[in-house]
PDB file of N, CA and C in Angstrom:
ATOM      1  N   MET A   1     106.015  59.489  98.900  1.00  0.00           N
ATOM      2  CA  MET A   1     107.218  60.019  99.492  1.00  0.00           C
ATOM      3  C   MET A   1     106.959  61.469  99.868  1.00  0.00           C
ATOM      4  N   SER A   2     107.300  61.825 101.083  1.00  0.00           N
ATOM      5  CA  SER A   2     107.110  63.211 101.501  1.00  0.00           C
ATOM      6  C   SER A   2     108.459  63.882 101.705  1.00  0.00           C
ATOM      7  N   ALA A   3     108.497  65.132 101.394  1.00  0.00           N
ATOM      8  CA  ALA A   3     109.735  65.898 101.536  1.00  0.00           C
ATOM      9  C   ALA A   3     109.768  66.553 102.903  1.00  0.00           C
ATOM     10  N   LYS A   4     110.953  66.641 103.470  1.00  0.00           N
ATOM     11  CA  LYS A   4     111.108  67.367 104.729  1.00  0.00           C
ATOM     12  C   LYS A   4     111.013  68.851 104.428  1.00  0.00           C
ATOM     13  N   THR A   5     110.330  69.555 105.292  1.00  0.00           N
ATOM     14  CA  THR A   5     110.243  71.003 105.120  1.00  0.00           C
ATOM     15  C   THR A   5     110.965  71.675 106.282  1.00  0.00           C
ATOM     16  N   TYR A   6     111.639  72.729 105.992  1.00  0.00           N
ATOM     17  CA  TYR A   6     112.403  73.471 106.981  1.00  0.00           C
ATOM     18  C   TYR A   6     111.978  74.931 106.948  1.00  0.00           C
ATOM     19  N   SER A   7     112.046  75.584 108.087  1.00  0.00           N
ATOM     20  CA  SER A   7     111.806  77.020 108.112  1.00  0.00           C
ATOM     21  C   SER A   7     113.143  77.733 107.926  1.00  0.00           C
ATOM     22  N   ILE A   8     113.083  78.950 107.468  1.00  0.00           N
ATOM     23  CA  ILE A   8     114.315  79.723 107.302  1.00  0.00           C
ATOM     24  C   ILE A   8     114.987  79.917 108.655  1.00  0.00           C
ATOM     25  N   GLU A   9     114.185  80.138 109.701  1.00  0.00           N
ATOM     26  CA  GLU A   9     114.742  80.318 111.037  1.00  0.00           C
ATOM     27  C   GLU A   9     115.559  79.101 111.461  1.00  0.00           C
ATOM     28  N   SER A  10     115.025  77.900 111.241  1.00  0.00           N
ATOM     29  CA  SER A  10     115.745  76.698 111.661  1.00  0.00           C
ATOM     30  C   SER A  10     117.001  76.474 110.827  1.00  0.00           C
ATOM     31  N   LEU A  11     116.999  76.931 109.589  1.00  0.00           N
ATOM     32  CA  LEU A  11     118.198  76.793 108.765  1.00  0.00           C
ATOM     33  C   LEU A  11     119.285  77.783 109.169  1.00  0.00           C
ATOM     34  N   LEU A  12     118.915  78.940 109.698  1.00  0.00           N
ATOM     35  CA  LEU A  12     119.910  79.931 110.119  1.00  0.00           C
ATOM     36  C   LEU A  12     120.568  79.567 111.450  1.00  0.00           C
ATOM     37  N   VAL A  13     119.793  79.007 112.380  1.00  0.00           N
ATOM     38  CA  VAL A  13     120.319  78.694 113.715  1.00  0.00           C
ATOM     39  C   VAL A  13     121.412  77.633 113.606  1.00  0.00           C
ATOM     40  N   GLY A  14     122.519  77.915 114.277  1.00  0.00           N
ATOM     41  CA  GLY A  14     123.656  76.996 114.261  1.00  0.00           C
ATOM     42  C   GLY A  14     124.709  77.337 113.228  1.00  0.00           C
ATOM     43  N   LYS A  15     124.421  78.269 112.345  1.00  0.00           N
ATOM     44  CA  LYS A  15     125.383  78.671 111.317  1.00  0.00           C
ATOM     45  C   LYS A  15     126.361  79.704 111.871  1.00  0.00           C
ATOM     46  N   ASN A  16     127.565  79.696 111.335  1.00  0.00           N
ATOM     47  CA  ASN A  16     128.557  80.710 111.703  1.00  0.00           C
ATOM     48  C   ASN A  16     128.194  82.025 111.041  1.00  0.00           C
ATOM     49  N   TYR A  17     128.463  83.125 111.742  1.00  0.00           N
ATOM     50  CA  TYR A  17     128.178  84.462 111.220  1.00  0.00           C
ATOM     51  C   TYR A  17     129.410  85.329 111.439  1.00  0.00           C
ATOM     52  N   ARG A  18     129.800  86.057 110.423  1.00  0.00           N
ATOM     53  CA  ARG A  18     130.918  86.992 110.540  1.00  0.00           C
ATOM     54  C   ARG A  18     130.490  88.335 109.980  1.00  0.00           C
ATOM     55  N   SER A  19     130.584  89.368 110.809  1.00  0.00           N
ATOM     56  CA  SER A  19     130.260  90.722 110.376  1.00  0.00           C
ATOM     57  C   SER A  19     131.529  91.375 109.844  1.00  0.00           C
ATOM     58  N   ARG A  20     131.455  91.868 108.641  1.00  0.00           N
ATOM     59  CA  ARG A  20     132.609  92.563 108.060  1.00  0.00           C
ATOM     60  C   ARG A  20     132.688  94.005 108.540  1.00  0.00           C
ATOM     61  N   SER A  21     131.533  94.614 108.776  1.00  0.00           N
ATOM     62  CA  SER A  21     131.534  96.034 109.120  1.00  0.00           C
ATOM     63  C   SER A  21     131.690  96.284 110.624  1.00  0.00           C
ATOM     64  N   ARG A  22     131.170  95.374 111.475  1.00  0.00           N
ATOM     65  CA  ARG A  22     131.238  95.611 112.910  1.00  0.00           C
ATOM     66  C   ARG A  22     132.298  94.762 113.601  1.00  0.00           C
ATOM     67  N   ASN A  23     133.011  93.955 112.829  1.00  0.00           N
ATOM     68  CA  ASN A  23     134.188  93.233 113.295  1.00  0.00           C
ATOM     69  C   ASN A  23     133.915  92.287 114.467  1.00  0.00           C
ATOM     70  N   PHE A  24     132.957  91.393 114.317  1.00  0.00           N
ATOM     71  CA  PHE A  24     132.743  90.323 115.284  1.00  0.00           C
ATOM     72  C   PHE A  24     132.255  89.088 114.552  1.00  0.00           C
ATOM     73  N   GLU A  25     132.382  87.944 115.208  1.00  0.00           N
ATOM     74  CA  GLU A  25     131.893  86.704 114.639  1.00  0.00           C
ATOM     75  C   GLU A  25     131.421  85.777 115.733  1.00  0.00           C
ATOM     76  N   GLY A  26     130.576  84.815 115.364  1.00  0.00           N
ATOM     77  CA  GLY A  26     130.047  83.865 116.321  1.00  0.00           C
ATOM     78  C   GLY A  26     129.055  82.926 115.655  1.00  0.00           C
ATOM     79  N   VAL A  27     128.241  82.282 116.474  1.00  0.00           N
ATOM     80  CA  VAL A  27     127.265  81.308 115.999  1.00  0.00           C
ATOM     81  C   VAL A  27     125.860  81.865 116.224  1.00  0.00           C
ATOM     82  N   ILE A  28     125.003  81.748 115.217  1.00  0.00           N
ATOM     83  CA  ILE A  28     123.626  82.221 115.322  1.00  0.00           C
ATOM     84  C   ILE A  28     122.863  81.293 116.267  1.00  0.00           C
ATOM     85  N   THR A  29     122.264  81.883 117.310  1.00  0.00           N
ATOM     86  CA  THR A  29     121.517  81.096 118.285  1.00  0.00           C
ATOM     87  C   THR A  29     120.007  81.299 118.175  1.00  0.00           C
ATOM     88  N   HIS A  30     119.578  82.355 117.491  1.00  0.00           N
ATOM     89  CA  HIS A  30     118.141  82.616 117.340  1.00  0.00           C
ATOM     90  C   HIS A  30     117.942  83.467 116.089  1.00  0.00           C
ATOM     91  N   ALA A  31     116.827  83.236 115.393  1.00  0.00           N
ATOM     92  CA  ALA A  31     116.497  84.018 114.196  1.00  0.00           C
ATOM     93  C   ALA A  31     114.988  84.184 114.114  1.00  0.00           C
ATOM     94  N   GLU A  32     114.570  85.364 113.701  1.00  0.00           N
ATOM     95  CA  GLU A  32     113.146  85.584 113.454  1.00  0.00           C
ATOM     96  C   GLU A  32     112.968  86.631 112.366  1.00  0.00           C
ATOM     97  N   LYS A  33     111.867  86.507 111.640  1.00  0.00           N
ATOM     98  CA  LYS A  33     111.591  87.419 110.533  1.00  0.00           C
ATOM     99  C   LYS A  33     111.360  88.820 111.066  1.00  0.00           C
ATOM    100  N   ARG A  34     111.886  89.791 110.347  1.00  0.00           N
ATOM    101  CA  ARG A  34     111.788  91.183 110.769  1.00  0.00           C
ATOM    102  C   ARG A  34     110.968  91.959 109.748  1.00  0.00           C
ATOM    103  N   GLU A  35     109.967  92.656 110.237  1.00  0.00           N
ATOM    104  CA  GLU A  35     109.092  93.448 109.363  1.00  0.00           C
ATOM    105  C   GLU A  35     109.602  94.886 109.303  1.00  0.00           C
ATOM    106  N   GLY A  36     109.251  95.581 108.252  1.00  0.00           N
ATOM    107  CA  GLY A  36     109.569  96.997 108.139  1.00  0.00           C
ATOM    108  C   GLY A  36     110.912  97.300 107.508  1.00  0.00           C
ATOM    109  N   ILE A  37     111.647  96.279 107.103  1.00  0.00           N
ATOM    110  CA  ILE A  37     112.925  96.490 106.414  1.00  0.00           C
ATOM    111  C   ILE A  37     112.809  95.831 105.050  1.00  0.00           C
ATOM    112  N   TRP A  38     113.167  96.565 104.011  1.00  0.00           N
ATOM    113  CA  TRP A  38     113.018  96.076 102.657  1.00  0.00           C
ATOM    114  C   TRP A  38     114.379  96.031 101.979  1.00  0.00           C
ATOM    115  N   TYR A  39     114.781  94.847 101.525  1.00  0.00           N
ATOM    116  CA  TYR A  39     116.037  94.675 100.799  1.00  0.00           C
ATOM    117  C   TYR A  39     115.830  94.535  99.305  1.00  0.00           C
ATOM    118  N   GLY A  40     114.599  94.494  98.870  1.00  0.00           N
ATOM    119  CA  GLY A  40     114.299  94.344  97.457  1.00  0.00           C
ATOM    120  C   GLY A  40     113.334  93.197  97.244  1.00  0.00           C
ATOM    121  N   ASP A  41     112.829  93.107  96.021  1.00  0.00           N
ATOM    122  CA  ASP A  41     111.911  92.017  95.698  1.00  0.00           C
ATOM    123  C   ASP A  41     112.656  90.690  95.781  1.00  0.00           C
ATOM    124  N   GLY A  42     112.034  89.716  96.399  1.00  0.00           N
ATOM    125  CA  GLY A  42     112.644  88.394  96.494  1.00  0.00           C
ATOM    126  C   GLY A  42     113.524  88.199  97.714  1.00  0.00           C
ATOM    127  N   PHE A  43     113.529  89.157  98.645  1.00  0.00           N
ATOM    128  CA  PHE A  43     114.331  89.046  99.854  1.00  0.00           C
ATOM    129  C   PHE A  43     113.470  89.309 101.088  1.00  0.00           C
ATOM    130  N   ASP A  44     113.762  88.616 102.166  1.00  0.00           N
ATOM    131  CA  ASP A  44     113.150  88.879 103.471  1.00  0.00           C
ATOM    132  C   ASP A  44     114.250  89.248 104.451  1.00  0.00           C
ATOM    133  N   ALA A  45     113.916  90.084 105.417  1.00  0.00           N
ATOM    134  CA  ALA A  45     114.878  90.479 106.448  1.00  0.00           C
ATOM    135  C   ALA A  45     114.659  89.621 107.694  1.00  0.00           C
ATOM    136  N   TYR A  46     115.751  89.187 108.301  1.00  0.00           N
ATOM    137  CA  TYR A  46     115.713  88.402 109.538  1.00  0.00           C
ATOM    138  C   TYR A  46     116.677  89.013 110.533  1.00  0.00           C
ATOM    139  N   VAL A  47     116.232  89.114 111.770  1.00  0.00           N
ATOM    140  CA  VAL A  47     117.124  89.541 112.837  1.00  0.00           C
ATOM    141  C   VAL A  47     117.686  88.263 113.458  1.00  0.00           C
ATOM    142  N   VAL A  48     118.998  88.234 113.647  1.00  0.00           N
ATOM    143  CA  VAL A  48     119.659  87.060 114.206  1.00  0.00           C
ATOM    144  C   VAL A  48     120.408  87.442 115.475  1.00  0.00           C
ATOM    145  N   GLN A  49     120.404  86.541 116.428  1.00  0.00           N
ATOM    146  CA  GLN A  49     121.150  86.699 117.680  1.00  0.00           C
ATOM    147  C   GLN A  49     122.409  85.850 117.548  1.00  0.00           C
ATOM    148  N   ILE A  50     123.565  86.449 117.816  1.00  0.00           N
ATOM    149  CA  ILE A  50     124.842  85.777 117.625  1.00  0.00           C
ATOM    150  C   ILE A  50     125.565  85.648 118.954  1.00  0.00           C
ATOM    151  N   ASN A  51     125.929  84.428 119.303  1.00  0.00           N
ATOM    152  CA  ASN A  51     126.725  84.168 120.499  1.00  0.00           C
ATOM    153  C   ASN A  51     128.183  84.401 120.127  1.00  0.00           C
ATOM    154  N   THR A  52     128.778  85.435 120.705  1.00  0.00           N
ATOM    155  CA  THR A  52     130.151  85.800 120.381  1.00  0.00           C
ATOM    156  C   THR A  52     131.045  85.557 121.591  1.00  0.00           C
ATOM    157  N   PRO A  53     132.033  84.671 121.473  1.00  0.00           N
ATOM    158  CA  PRO A  53     132.900  84.370 122.608  1.00  0.00           C
ATOM    159  C   PRO A  53     133.755  85.563 123.053  1.00  0.00           C
ATOM    160  N   ALA A  54     133.980  86.528 122.181  1.00  0.00           N
ATOM    161  CA  ALA A  54     134.837  87.661 122.519  1.00  0.00           C
ATOM    162  C   ALA A  54     134.110  88.739 123.329  1.00  0.00           C
ATOM    163  N   TYR A  55     132.781  88.651 123.432  1.00  0.00           N
ATOM    164  CA  TYR A  55     131.997  89.650 124.140  1.00  0.00           C
ATOM    165  C   TYR A  55     131.214  88.992 125.276  1.00  0.00           C
ATOM    166  N   LEU A  56     130.856  89.767 126.286  1.00  0.00           N
ATOM    167  CA  LEU A  56     130.104  89.228 127.418  1.00  0.00           C
ATOM    168  C   LEU A  56     128.645  88.986 127.075  1.00  0.00           C
ATOM    169  N   SER A  57     128.099  89.747 126.136  1.00  0.00           N
ATOM    170  CA  SER A  57     126.693  89.582 125.763  1.00  0.00           C
ATOM    171  C   SER A  57     126.595  89.222 124.281  1.00  0.00           C
ATOM    172  N   ASP A  58     125.436  88.687 123.920  1.00  0.00           N
ATOM    173  CA  ASP A  58     125.200  88.337 122.524  1.00  0.00           C
ATOM    174  C   ASP A  58     125.069  89.599 121.679  1.00  0.00           C
ATOM    175  N   ARG A  59     125.337  89.469 120.400  1.00  0.00           N
ATOM    176  CA  ARG A  59     125.196  90.556 119.442  1.00  0.00           C
ATOM    177  C   ARG A  59     124.001  90.252 118.548  1.00  0.00           C
ATOM    178  N   TYR A  60     123.473  91.285 117.908  1.00  0.00           N
ATOM    179  CA  TYR A  60     122.330  91.147 117.010  1.00  0.00           C
ATOM    180  C   TYR A  60     122.673  91.768 115.668  1.00  0.00           C
ATOM    181  N   ALA A  61     122.123  91.192 114.617  1.00  0.00           N
ATOM    182  CA  ALA A  61     122.339  91.707 113.265  1.00  0.00           C
ATOM    183  C   ALA A  61     121.090  91.422 112.431  1.00  0.00           C
ATOM    184  N   THR A  62     120.906  92.204 111.402  1.00  0.00           N
ATOM    185  CA  THR A  62     119.830  91.970 110.448  1.00  0.00           C
ATOM    186  C   THR A  62     120.455  91.458 109.166  1.00  0.00           C
ATOM    187  N   VAL A  63     119.914  90.363 108.657  1.00  0.00           N
ATOM    188  CA  VAL A  63     120.446  89.766 107.436  1.00  0.00           C
ATOM    189  C   VAL A  63     119.334  89.674 106.393  1.00  0.00           C
ATOM    190  N   ALA A  64     119.722  89.702 105.126  1.00  0.00           N
ATOM    191  CA  ALA A  64     118.774  89.530 104.029  1.00  0.00           C
ATOM    192  C   ALA A  64     118.852  88.083 103.558  1.00  0.00           C
ATOM    193  N   VAL A  65     117.687  87.478 103.367  1.00  0.00           N
ATOM    194  CA  VAL A  65     117.610  86.098 102.906  1.00  0.00           C
ATOM    195  C   VAL A  65     116.829  86.068 101.605  1.00  0.00           C
ATOM    196  N   LYS A  66     117.427  85.509 100.570  1.00  0.00           N
ATOM    197  CA  LYS A  66     116.738  85.418  99.278  1.00  0.00           C
ATOM    198  C   LYS A  66     115.711  84.298  99.351  1.00  0.00           C
ATOM    199  N   ILE A  67     114.500  84.626  98.942  1.00  0.00           N
ATOM    200  CA  ILE A  67     113.431  83.634  98.928  1.00  0.00           C
ATOM    201  C   ILE A  67     113.034  83.342  97.491  1.00  0.00           C
ATOM    202  N   GLY A  68     112.589  82.171  97.232  1.00  0.00           N
ATOM    203  CA  GLY A  68     112.226  81.807  95.864  1.00  0.00           C
ATOM    204  C   GLY A  68     113.445  81.529  95.016  1.00  0.00           C
ATOM    205  N   GLU A  69     113.266  81.680  93.715  1.00  0.00           N
ATOM    206  CA  GLU A  69     114.385  81.378  92.815  1.00  0.00           C
ATOM    207  C   GLU A  69     114.826  82.548  92.040  1.00  0.00           C
TER     208      GLU A  69
END
């Protein structure tokens, strides 16, 4: 029996995103790992592109993703 494997990018795409500080929300359409930003041990930074119906262009945000256990 083999287990399905998923990338973090594929798990983020399609999820709803709501920014509390910049006051917008939408659906994540693209995600990729971002280097040079450190959130602590056990976390990776990802830049996400968000399709926001309230704006003419997409918005971008950096999110922290916990890796491991």
